[in-house]
């Protein structure tokens, strides 16, 4: 289940990321906690789109996980960065862009040493290799919105990171 592998890899990579400007540490989740109030800078990771193609034969035999050739999986994972900030703070304009920049910097500089690329799926134990992270990313910074009580502002950004992974199948 390579989707689980990639989502968990990103969660571990981003969880507790130190943020600039004294903003604390980023909390990373796959499934959002309920309830969540947004006051802690948070990233939600969701494996939104993907593509799979065969690189080498043979096809795997049913029930034998290591008998197949290589398949390339390209994941486009959405990372939703969410934060509620105090609109009266004179530095508010710098805070959320600095958070988004910190996440982008971490993703573009993920270390893929030999030990870090070989991953085991947390559900099935299926092995895969993560080949690159963050070589292609897009982001969209949403408009700022007031919360219901109008004491805080809600900031949202969507970062889509492309990850290449290979499996035997």
N, C-alpha and C. Protein backbone atom coordinates (compact mmCIF):
# COMPACT_ATOMS: atom_id res chain seq x y z
N UNK A 1 0.83 -1.18 0.00
CA UNK A 1 0.00 0.00 0.00
C UNK A 1 0.88 1.25 0.00
N UNK A 2 1.41 1.61 -1.14
CA UNK A 2 2.34 2.74 -1.21
C UNK A 2 1.77 4.08 -0.77
N UNK A 3 0.46 4.28 -0.84
CA UNK A 3 -0.11 5.55 -0.39
C UNK A 3 0.16 5.73 1.10
N UNK A 4 -0.04 4.66 1.88
CA UNK A 4 0.25 4.72 3.31
C UNK A 4 1.72 5.04 3.56
N UNK A 5 2.60 4.43 2.79
CA UNK A 5 4.04 4.65 2.95
C UNK A 5 4.39 6.11 2.76
N UNK A 6 3.91 6.70 1.68
CA UNK A 6 4.24 8.09 1.35
C UNK A 6 3.62 9.06 2.35
N UNK A 7 2.37 8.85 2.71
CA UNK A 7 1.73 9.74 3.68
C UNK A 7 2.47 9.71 5.02
N UNK A 8 2.82 8.52 5.49
CA UNK A 8 3.52 8.41 6.76
C UNK A 8 4.92 9.00 6.67
N UNK A 9 5.60 8.80 5.55
CA UNK A 9 6.93 9.39 5.35
C UNK A 9 6.85 10.91 5.48
N UNK A 10 5.85 11.52 4.85
CA UNK A 10 5.70 12.98 4.92
C UNK A 10 5.29 13.44 6.32
N UNK A 11 4.43 12.68 6.98
CA UNK A 11 4.01 13.06 8.33
C UNK A 11 5.22 13.09 9.26
N UNK A 12 6.03 12.05 9.21
CA UNK A 12 7.23 11.99 10.06
C UNK A 12 8.20 13.11 9.68
N UNK A 13 8.34 13.39 8.40
CA UNK A 13 9.26 14.44 7.92
C UNK A 13 8.85 15.81 8.43
N UNK A 14 7.55 16.09 8.45
CA UNK A 14 7.07 17.44 8.80
C UNK A 14 6.70 17.63 10.27
N UNK A 15 6.41 16.53 10.97
CA UNK A 15 5.97 16.67 12.36
C UNK A 15 7.09 17.25 13.22
N UNK A 16 6.73 18.25 14.00
CA UNK A 16 7.66 18.95 14.90
C UNK A 16 8.69 19.80 14.16
N UNK A 17 8.40 20.16 12.90
CA UNK A 17 9.28 21.06 12.16
C UNK A 17 9.33 22.40 12.90
N UNK A 18 10.55 22.84 13.22
CA UNK A 18 10.71 24.13 13.91
C UNK A 18 10.36 25.26 12.95
N UNK A 19 9.48 26.14 13.39
CA UNK A 19 9.04 27.25 12.56
C UNK A 19 9.78 28.53 12.96
N UNK A 20 9.96 29.45 12.02
CA UNK A 20 10.67 30.70 12.33
C UNK A 20 9.79 31.66 13.14
N UNK A 21 10.38 32.73 13.56
CA UNK A 21 9.69 33.85 14.22
C UNK A 21 9.03 33.45 15.54
N UNK A 22 9.55 32.41 16.18
CA UNK A 22 9.00 31.99 17.46
C UNK A 22 7.61 31.39 17.37
N UNK A 23 7.27 30.83 16.22
CA UNK A 23 5.92 30.30 16.00
C UNK A 23 5.75 28.86 16.50
N UNK A 24 6.80 28.30 17.10
CA UNK A 24 6.69 26.95 17.66
C UNK A 24 7.03 25.88 16.64
N UNK A 25 6.40 24.73 16.82
CA UNK A 25 6.66 23.58 15.95
C UNK A 25 5.39 23.20 15.21
N UNK A 26 5.56 22.81 13.95
CA UNK A 26 4.43 22.38 13.13
C UNK A 26 3.95 21.01 13.60
N UNK A 27 2.65 20.84 13.70
CA UNK A 27 2.06 19.54 13.99
C UNK A 27 1.59 18.95 12.66
N UNK A 28 1.91 17.70 12.40
CA UNK A 28 1.54 17.08 11.13
C UNK A 28 0.64 15.88 11.39
N UNK A 29 -0.43 15.80 10.62
CA UNK A 29 -1.41 14.72 10.75
C UNK A 29 -1.79 14.21 9.37
N UNK A 30 -2.23 12.97 9.33
CA UNK A 30 -2.86 12.45 8.12
C UNK A 30 -4.36 12.69 8.25
N UNK A 31 -4.96 12.20 9.30
CA UNK A 31 -6.37 12.47 9.58
C UNK A 31 -6.44 13.59 10.61
N UNK A 32 -7.17 14.66 10.32
CA UNK A 32 -7.22 15.77 11.27
C UNK A 32 -7.81 15.35 12.61
N UNK A 33 -7.27 15.89 13.70
CA UNK A 33 -7.87 15.62 15.01
C UNK A 33 -9.22 16.32 15.10
N UNK A 34 -10.10 15.75 15.88
CA UNK A 34 -11.42 16.34 16.04
C UNK A 34 -11.69 16.50 17.52
N UNK A 35 -11.90 17.66 18.07
CA UNK A 35 -11.89 18.93 17.35
C UNK A 35 -10.47 19.48 17.23
N UNK A 36 -10.30 20.37 16.29
CA UNK A 36 -9.05 21.09 16.16
C UNK A 36 -9.38 22.57 16.11
N UNK A 37 -8.68 23.37 16.89
CA UNK A 37 -9.03 24.79 16.92
C UNK A 37 -8.14 25.65 16.03
N UNK A 38 -7.09 25.06 15.45
CA UNK A 38 -6.27 25.80 14.48
C UNK A 38 -5.26 26.75 15.08
N UNK A 39 -5.19 26.85 16.41
CA UNK A 39 -4.26 27.81 17.00
C UNK A 39 -2.82 27.34 16.93
N UNK A 40 -2.60 26.05 16.76
CA UNK A 40 -1.25 25.51 16.58
C UNK A 40 -1.03 25.33 15.08
N UNK A 41 0.09 25.82 14.54
CA UNK A 41 0.36 25.61 13.11
C UNK A 41 0.32 24.11 12.78
N UNK A 42 -0.49 23.76 11.79
CA UNK A 42 -0.76 22.36 11.51
C UNK A 42 -0.69 22.07 10.02
N UNK A 43 -0.21 20.87 9.69
CA UNK A 43 -0.21 20.38 8.31
C UNK A 43 -1.00 19.09 8.26
N UNK A 44 -1.92 19.02 7.30
CA UNK A 44 -2.70 17.81 7.07
C UNK A 44 -2.24 17.22 5.74
N UNK A 45 -1.91 15.94 5.74
CA UNK A 45 -1.29 15.29 4.58
C UNK A 45 -2.28 14.31 3.97
N UNK A 46 -2.51 14.45 2.66
CA UNK A 46 -3.47 13.58 2.00
C UNK A 46 -2.97 13.22 0.61
N UNK A 47 -2.79 11.93 0.35
CA UNK A 47 -2.30 11.43 -0.94
C UNK A 47 -3.37 11.55 -2.00
N UNK A 48 -3.45 12.69 -2.65
CA UNK A 48 -4.59 13.03 -3.49
C UNK A 48 -4.62 12.39 -4.87
N UNK A 49 -3.49 12.39 -5.56
CA UNK A 49 -3.46 11.89 -6.93
C UNK A 49 -2.21 11.05 -7.14
N UNK A 50 -2.26 10.16 -8.12
CA UNK A 50 -1.08 9.35 -8.39
C UNK A 50 -1.12 8.76 -9.78
N UNK A 51 0.04 8.24 -10.17
CA UNK A 51 0.19 7.61 -11.48
C UNK A 51 1.15 6.44 -11.29
N UNK A 52 0.87 5.33 -11.96
CA UNK A 52 1.70 4.14 -11.82
C UNK A 52 2.01 3.60 -13.21
N UNK A 53 3.28 3.22 -13.43
CA UNK A 53 3.65 2.62 -14.71
C UNK A 53 4.76 1.61 -14.50
N UNK A 54 4.81 0.64 -15.40
CA UNK A 54 5.79 -0.45 -15.30
C UNK A 54 7.11 -0.01 -15.90
N UNK A 55 8.20 -0.31 -15.17
CA UNK A 55 9.55 -0.03 -15.66
C UNK A 55 10.23 -1.30 -16.16
N UNK A 56 9.94 -2.44 -15.53
CA UNK A 56 10.61 -3.69 -15.90
C UNK A 56 9.70 -4.88 -15.65
N UNK A 57 9.86 -5.90 -16.48
CA UNK A 57 9.12 -7.15 -16.32
C UNK A 57 9.91 -8.05 -15.39
N UNK A 58 9.36 -9.11 -14.87
CA UNK A 58 8.04 -9.69 -15.13
C UNK A 58 6.99 -9.11 -14.19
N UNK A 59 5.73 -9.46 -14.51
CA UNK A 59 4.66 -9.13 -13.59
C UNK A 59 4.77 -10.04 -12.38
N UNK A 60 4.30 -9.56 -11.25
CA UNK A 60 4.34 -10.36 -10.02
C UNK A 60 3.40 -11.54 -10.12
N UNK A 61 3.77 -12.61 -9.42
CA UNK A 61 2.87 -13.77 -9.30
C UNK A 61 1.98 -13.55 -8.10
N UNK A 62 0.72 -13.94 -8.18
CA UNK A 62 -0.20 -13.76 -7.05
C UNK A 62 0.37 -14.37 -5.77
N UNK A 63 0.35 -13.60 -4.69
CA UNK A 63 0.79 -14.09 -3.40
C UNK A 63 2.28 -14.02 -3.16
N UNK A 64 3.06 -13.61 -4.16
CA UNK A 64 4.52 -13.52 -3.99
C UNK A 64 4.91 -12.05 -4.21
N UNK A 65 5.17 -11.33 -3.13
CA UNK A 65 5.39 -9.90 -3.22
C UNK A 65 6.71 -9.50 -3.87
N UNK A 66 7.72 -10.36 -3.84
CA UNK A 66 9.03 -9.98 -4.36
C UNK A 66 9.35 -10.63 -5.70
N UNK A 67 8.33 -11.13 -6.39
CA UNK A 67 8.61 -11.83 -7.64
C UNK A 67 8.50 -10.95 -8.87
N UNK A 68 8.03 -9.74 -8.72
CA UNK A 68 7.76 -8.92 -9.89
C UNK A 68 8.88 -7.99 -10.28
N UNK A 69 8.67 -7.38 -11.44
CA UNK A 69 9.59 -6.36 -11.91
C UNK A 69 9.31 -5.05 -11.18
N UNK A 70 9.88 -3.98 -11.68
CA UNK A 70 9.78 -2.70 -11.00
C UNK A 70 8.66 -1.85 -11.59
N UNK A 71 7.92 -1.20 -10.70
CA UNK A 71 6.91 -0.23 -11.11
C UNK A 71 7.26 1.11 -10.49
N UNK A 72 7.00 2.17 -11.24
CA UNK A 72 7.23 3.53 -10.79
C UNK A 72 5.90 4.13 -10.39
N UNK A 73 5.85 4.71 -9.20
CA UNK A 73 4.65 5.39 -8.73
C UNK A 73 4.98 6.86 -8.54
N UNK A 74 4.14 7.72 -9.08
CA UNK A 74 4.31 9.16 -8.91
C UNK A 74 3.12 9.65 -8.10
N UNK A 75 3.40 10.10 -6.89
CA UNK A 75 2.37 10.60 -5.99
C UNK A 75 2.35 12.12 -6.05
N UNK A 76 1.18 12.69 -6.09
CA UNK A 76 1.00 14.12 -5.91
C UNK A 76 0.21 14.28 -4.62
N UNK A 77 0.93 14.58 -3.56
CA UNK A 77 0.34 14.62 -2.23
C UNK A 77 0.03 16.06 -1.85
N UNK A 78 -1.18 16.28 -1.39
CA UNK A 78 -1.58 17.60 -0.92
C UNK A 78 -1.27 17.72 0.56
N UNK A 79 -0.64 18.82 0.90
CA UNK A 79 -0.37 19.16 2.29
C UNK A 79 -1.08 20.47 2.56
N UNK A 80 -2.02 20.43 3.47
CA UNK A 80 -2.82 21.60 3.80
C UNK A 80 -2.25 22.21 5.07
N UNK A 81 -1.75 23.42 4.99
CA UNK A 81 -1.20 24.12 6.14
C UNK A 81 -2.28 25.08 6.64
N UNK A 82 -2.59 24.97 7.94
CA UNK A 82 -3.69 25.74 8.52
C UNK A 82 -3.21 26.38 9.82
N UNK A 83 -3.62 27.63 10.02
CA UNK A 83 -3.27 28.33 11.26
C UNK A 83 -4.26 29.45 11.51
N UNK A 84 -4.60 29.66 12.77
CA UNK A 84 -5.41 30.79 13.20
C UNK A 84 -4.49 31.75 13.94
N UNK A 85 -4.45 33.00 13.51
CA UNK A 85 -3.58 33.98 14.14
C UNK A 85 -4.33 35.19 14.63
N UNK A 86 -3.71 35.88 15.54
CA UNK A 86 -4.28 37.10 16.12
C UNK A 86 -4.14 38.24 15.13
N UNK A 87 -5.26 38.71 14.61
CA UNK A 87 -5.25 39.77 13.61
C UNK A 87 -4.75 41.11 14.12
N UNK A 88 -4.69 41.29 15.43
CA UNK A 88 -4.19 42.54 15.99
C UNK A 88 -2.67 42.58 16.13
N UNK A 89 -2.02 41.45 15.88
CA UNK A 89 -0.56 41.40 16.00
C UNK A 89 0.06 42.16 14.84
N UNK A 90 0.94 43.14 15.10
CA UNK A 90 1.53 43.93 14.01
C UNK A 90 2.43 43.12 13.07
N UNK A 91 2.85 41.93 13.49
CA UNK A 91 3.72 41.09 12.65
C UNK A 91 2.96 40.01 11.88
N UNK A 92 1.64 40.03 11.95
CA UNK A 92 0.82 38.97 11.37
C UNK A 92 1.10 38.74 9.89
N UNK A 93 1.43 39.79 9.15
CA UNK A 93 1.67 39.65 7.71
C UNK A 93 2.84 38.73 7.39
N UNK A 94 3.78 38.59 8.30
CA UNK A 94 4.97 37.76 8.04
C UNK A 94 4.80 36.33 8.52
N UNK A 95 3.92 36.07 9.48
CA UNK A 95 3.87 34.78 10.14
C UNK A 95 3.49 33.61 9.22
N UNK A 96 2.35 33.70 8.58
CA UNK A 96 1.90 32.55 7.79
C UNK A 96 2.79 32.31 6.57
N UNK A 97 3.18 33.34 5.82
CA UNK A 97 4.12 33.07 4.72
C UNK A 97 5.41 32.40 5.21
N UNK A 98 5.89 32.77 6.40
CA UNK A 98 7.09 32.14 6.95
C UNK A 98 6.85 30.66 7.25
N UNK A 99 5.64 30.32 7.70
CA UNK A 99 5.30 28.91 7.94
C UNK A 99 5.32 28.12 6.65
N UNK A 100 4.66 28.67 5.62
CA UNK A 100 4.60 27.99 4.33
C UNK A 100 6.01 27.83 3.75
N UNK A 101 6.82 28.88 3.84
CA UNK A 101 8.19 28.81 3.35
C UNK A 101 9.00 27.75 4.09
N UNK A 102 8.78 27.60 5.41
CA UNK A 102 9.50 26.59 6.18
C UNK A 102 9.14 25.18 5.71
N UNK A 103 7.86 24.95 5.43
CA UNK A 103 7.43 23.63 4.93
C UNK A 103 8.04 23.37 3.56
N UNK A 104 7.98 24.35 2.66
CA UNK A 104 8.57 24.18 1.33
C UNK A 104 10.07 23.92 1.42
N UNK A 105 10.76 24.64 2.29
CA UNK A 105 12.21 24.44 2.45
C UNK A 105 12.52 23.03 2.94
N UNK A 106 11.74 22.55 3.90
CA UNK A 106 11.95 21.19 4.41
C UNK A 106 11.74 20.16 3.31
N UNK A 107 10.68 20.32 2.51
CA UNK A 107 10.38 19.37 1.45
C UNK A 107 11.43 19.39 0.35
N UNK A 108 11.95 20.57 0.01
CA UNK A 108 12.93 20.62 -1.08
C UNK A 108 14.30 20.14 -0.64
N UNK A 109 14.48 19.98 0.67
CA UNK A 109 15.78 19.54 1.19
C UNK A 109 15.71 18.24 1.96
N UNK A 110 14.70 17.39 1.67
CA UNK A 110 14.60 16.09 2.33
C UNK A 110 15.82 15.26 1.97
N UNK A 111 16.47 14.72 2.98
CA UNK A 111 17.64 13.88 2.75
C UNK A 111 17.19 12.49 2.31
N UNK A 112 17.65 12.07 1.17
CA UNK A 112 17.31 10.73 0.67
C UNK A 112 18.57 9.87 0.64
N UNK A 113 19.21 9.76 1.80
CA UNK A 113 20.35 8.86 1.90
C UNK A 113 19.85 7.43 1.74
N UNK A 114 20.75 6.49 1.55
CA UNK A 114 20.34 5.10 1.31
C UNK A 114 19.38 4.58 2.37
N UNK A 115 19.61 4.90 3.63
CA UNK A 115 18.74 4.41 4.69
C UNK A 115 17.36 5.04 4.69
N UNK A 116 17.26 6.29 4.25
CA UNK A 116 15.98 6.99 4.31
C UNK A 116 15.05 6.63 3.15
N UNK A 117 15.59 6.14 2.04
CA UNK A 117 14.73 5.90 0.89
C UNK A 117 14.02 4.55 0.94
N UNK A 118 14.59 3.58 1.62
CA UNK A 118 13.99 2.25 1.68
C UNK A 118 12.94 2.26 2.79
N UNK A 119 11.66 2.18 2.40
CA UNK A 119 10.57 2.33 3.35
C UNK A 119 9.73 1.05 3.41
N UNK A 120 9.18 0.77 4.58
CA UNK A 120 8.24 -0.33 4.75
C UNK A 120 6.86 0.26 5.00
N UNK A 121 5.88 -0.24 4.26
CA UNK A 121 4.51 0.22 4.45
C UNK A 121 4.08 -0.07 5.89
N UNK A 122 3.51 0.92 6.60
CA UNK A 122 3.14 0.71 8.00
C UNK A 122 1.99 -0.28 8.19
N UNK A 123 1.25 -0.61 7.13
CA UNK A 123 0.13 -1.53 7.24
C UNK A 123 0.50 -2.94 6.80
N UNK A 124 1.15 -3.05 5.63
CA UNK A 124 1.42 -4.37 5.06
C UNK A 124 2.87 -4.82 5.18
N UNK A 125 3.78 -3.89 5.46
CA UNK A 125 5.20 -4.23 5.49
C UNK A 125 5.84 -4.27 4.11
N UNK A 126 5.06 -4.02 3.05
CA UNK A 126 5.59 -4.01 1.69
C UNK A 126 6.70 -2.98 1.58
N UNK A 127 7.81 -3.38 0.96
CA UNK A 127 8.96 -2.49 0.83
C UNK A 127 8.88 -1.68 -0.45
N UNK A 128 9.36 -0.45 -0.36
CA UNK A 128 9.43 0.41 -1.53
C UNK A 128 10.63 1.33 -1.36
N UNK A 129 10.97 2.03 -2.44
CA UNK A 129 12.04 3.02 -2.40
C UNK A 129 11.47 4.36 -2.81
N UNK A 130 11.68 5.36 -1.96
CA UNK A 130 11.29 6.72 -2.31
C UNK A 130 12.50 7.34 -3.01
N UNK A 131 12.30 7.76 -4.26
CA UNK A 131 13.41 8.22 -5.09
C UNK A 131 13.61 9.72 -5.03
N UNK A 132 12.55 10.48 -4.97
CA UNK A 132 12.71 11.93 -4.81
C UNK A 132 11.47 12.54 -4.17
N UNK A 133 11.73 13.61 -3.46
CA UNK A 133 10.70 14.38 -2.77
C UNK A 133 10.96 15.84 -3.06
N UNK A 134 9.96 16.55 -3.47
CA UNK A 134 10.07 18.00 -3.59
C UNK A 134 10.79 18.52 -4.81
N UNK A 135 11.07 17.68 -5.78
CA UNK A 135 11.69 18.19 -7.01
C UNK A 135 10.67 18.98 -7.83
N UNK A 136 9.40 18.67 -7.60
CA UNK A 136 8.31 19.41 -8.25
C UNK A 136 7.26 19.67 -7.18
N UNK A 137 6.97 20.96 -6.95
CA UNK A 137 5.95 21.34 -5.98
C UNK A 137 5.14 22.52 -6.52
N UNK A 138 3.91 22.57 -6.12
CA UNK A 138 3.08 23.74 -6.39
C UNK A 138 2.42 24.13 -5.08
N UNK A 139 2.01 25.37 -4.99
CA UNK A 139 1.30 25.80 -3.79
C UNK A 139 0.28 26.86 -4.16
N UNK A 140 -0.72 26.93 -3.30
CA UNK A 140 -1.76 27.93 -3.44
C UNK A 140 -2.04 28.47 -2.05
N UNK A 141 -1.95 29.75 -1.94
CA UNK A 141 -2.13 30.44 -0.68
C UNK A 141 -3.52 31.05 -0.72
N UNK A 142 -4.41 30.54 0.11
CA UNK A 142 -5.80 31.01 0.08
C UNK A 142 -5.97 32.37 0.73
N UNK A 143 -7.10 33.00 0.48
CA UNK A 143 -7.36 34.30 1.11
C UNK A 143 -7.56 34.13 2.62
N UNK A 144 -7.18 35.12 3.36
CA UNK A 144 -7.34 35.12 4.81
C UNK A 144 -8.81 35.34 5.13
N UNK A 145 -9.32 34.62 6.14
CA UNK A 145 -10.72 34.75 6.52
C UNK A 145 -10.83 34.97 8.03
N UNK A 146 -11.82 35.71 8.44
CA UNK A 146 -12.09 35.89 9.87
C UNK A 146 -12.84 34.66 10.37
N UNK A 147 -12.56 34.28 11.61
CA UNK A 147 -13.31 33.19 12.23
C UNK A 147 -14.66 33.72 12.73
N UNK A 148 -15.51 32.83 13.19
CA UNK A 148 -16.85 33.22 13.63
C UNK A 148 -16.84 34.32 14.69
N UNK A 149 -15.93 34.19 15.66
CA UNK A 149 -15.92 35.20 16.72
C UNK A 149 -15.14 36.45 16.34
N UNK A 150 -14.53 36.46 15.19
CA UNK A 150 -13.78 37.58 14.61
C UNK A 150 -12.61 38.05 15.48
N UNK A 151 -12.15 37.19 16.39
CA UNK A 151 -10.97 37.53 17.20
C UNK A 151 -9.69 37.02 16.55
N UNK A 152 -9.83 36.02 15.68
CA UNK A 152 -8.65 35.47 15.00
C UNK A 152 -8.92 35.40 13.50
N UNK A 153 -7.84 35.30 12.76
CA UNK A 153 -7.90 35.14 11.31
C UNK A 153 -7.46 33.72 10.96
N UNK A 154 -8.11 33.12 9.97
CA UNK A 154 -7.74 31.78 9.52
C UNK A 154 -6.92 31.90 8.25
N UNK A 155 -5.76 31.25 8.26
CA UNK A 155 -4.85 31.21 7.12
C UNK A 155 -4.79 29.78 6.61
N UNK A 156 -4.85 29.60 5.28
CA UNK A 156 -4.78 28.28 4.66
C UNK A 156 -3.86 28.32 3.45
N UNK A 157 -3.11 27.25 3.27
CA UNK A 157 -2.32 27.08 2.05
C UNK A 157 -2.35 25.60 1.67
N UNK A 158 -2.36 25.35 0.38
CA UNK A 158 -2.29 23.99 -0.15
C UNK A 158 -0.96 23.86 -0.88
N UNK A 159 -0.14 22.92 -0.42
CA UNK A 159 1.12 22.60 -1.08
C UNK A 159 0.95 21.22 -1.69
N UNK A 160 1.24 21.09 -2.97
CA UNK A 160 1.21 19.78 -3.62
C UNK A 160 2.65 19.41 -3.93
N UNK A 161 3.09 18.31 -3.35
CA UNK A 161 4.46 17.84 -3.54
C UNK A 161 4.44 16.53 -4.33
N UNK A 162 5.33 16.43 -5.29
CA UNK A 162 5.42 15.21 -6.10
C UNK A 162 6.51 14.31 -5.50
N UNK A 163 6.16 13.04 -5.33
CA UNK A 163 7.09 12.05 -4.79
C UNK A 163 7.13 10.87 -5.74
N UNK A 164 8.34 10.43 -6.08
CA UNK A 164 8.53 9.25 -6.92
C UNK A 164 8.94 8.09 -6.04
N UNK A 165 8.28 6.95 -6.26
CA UNK A 165 8.51 5.75 -5.45
C UNK A 165 8.56 4.55 -6.40
N UNK A 166 9.38 3.57 -6.10
CA UNK A 166 9.38 2.33 -6.88
C UNK A 166 9.01 1.16 -5.97
N UNK A 167 8.30 0.20 -6.57
CA UNK A 167 7.93 -1.04 -5.86
C UNK A 167 8.16 -2.21 -6.80
N UNK A 168 8.17 -3.40 -6.24
CA UNK A 168 8.17 -4.61 -7.06
C UNK A 168 6.73 -5.08 -7.17
N UNK A 169 6.28 -5.31 -8.39
CA UNK A 169 4.89 -5.74 -8.58
C UNK A 169 4.74 -6.45 -9.92
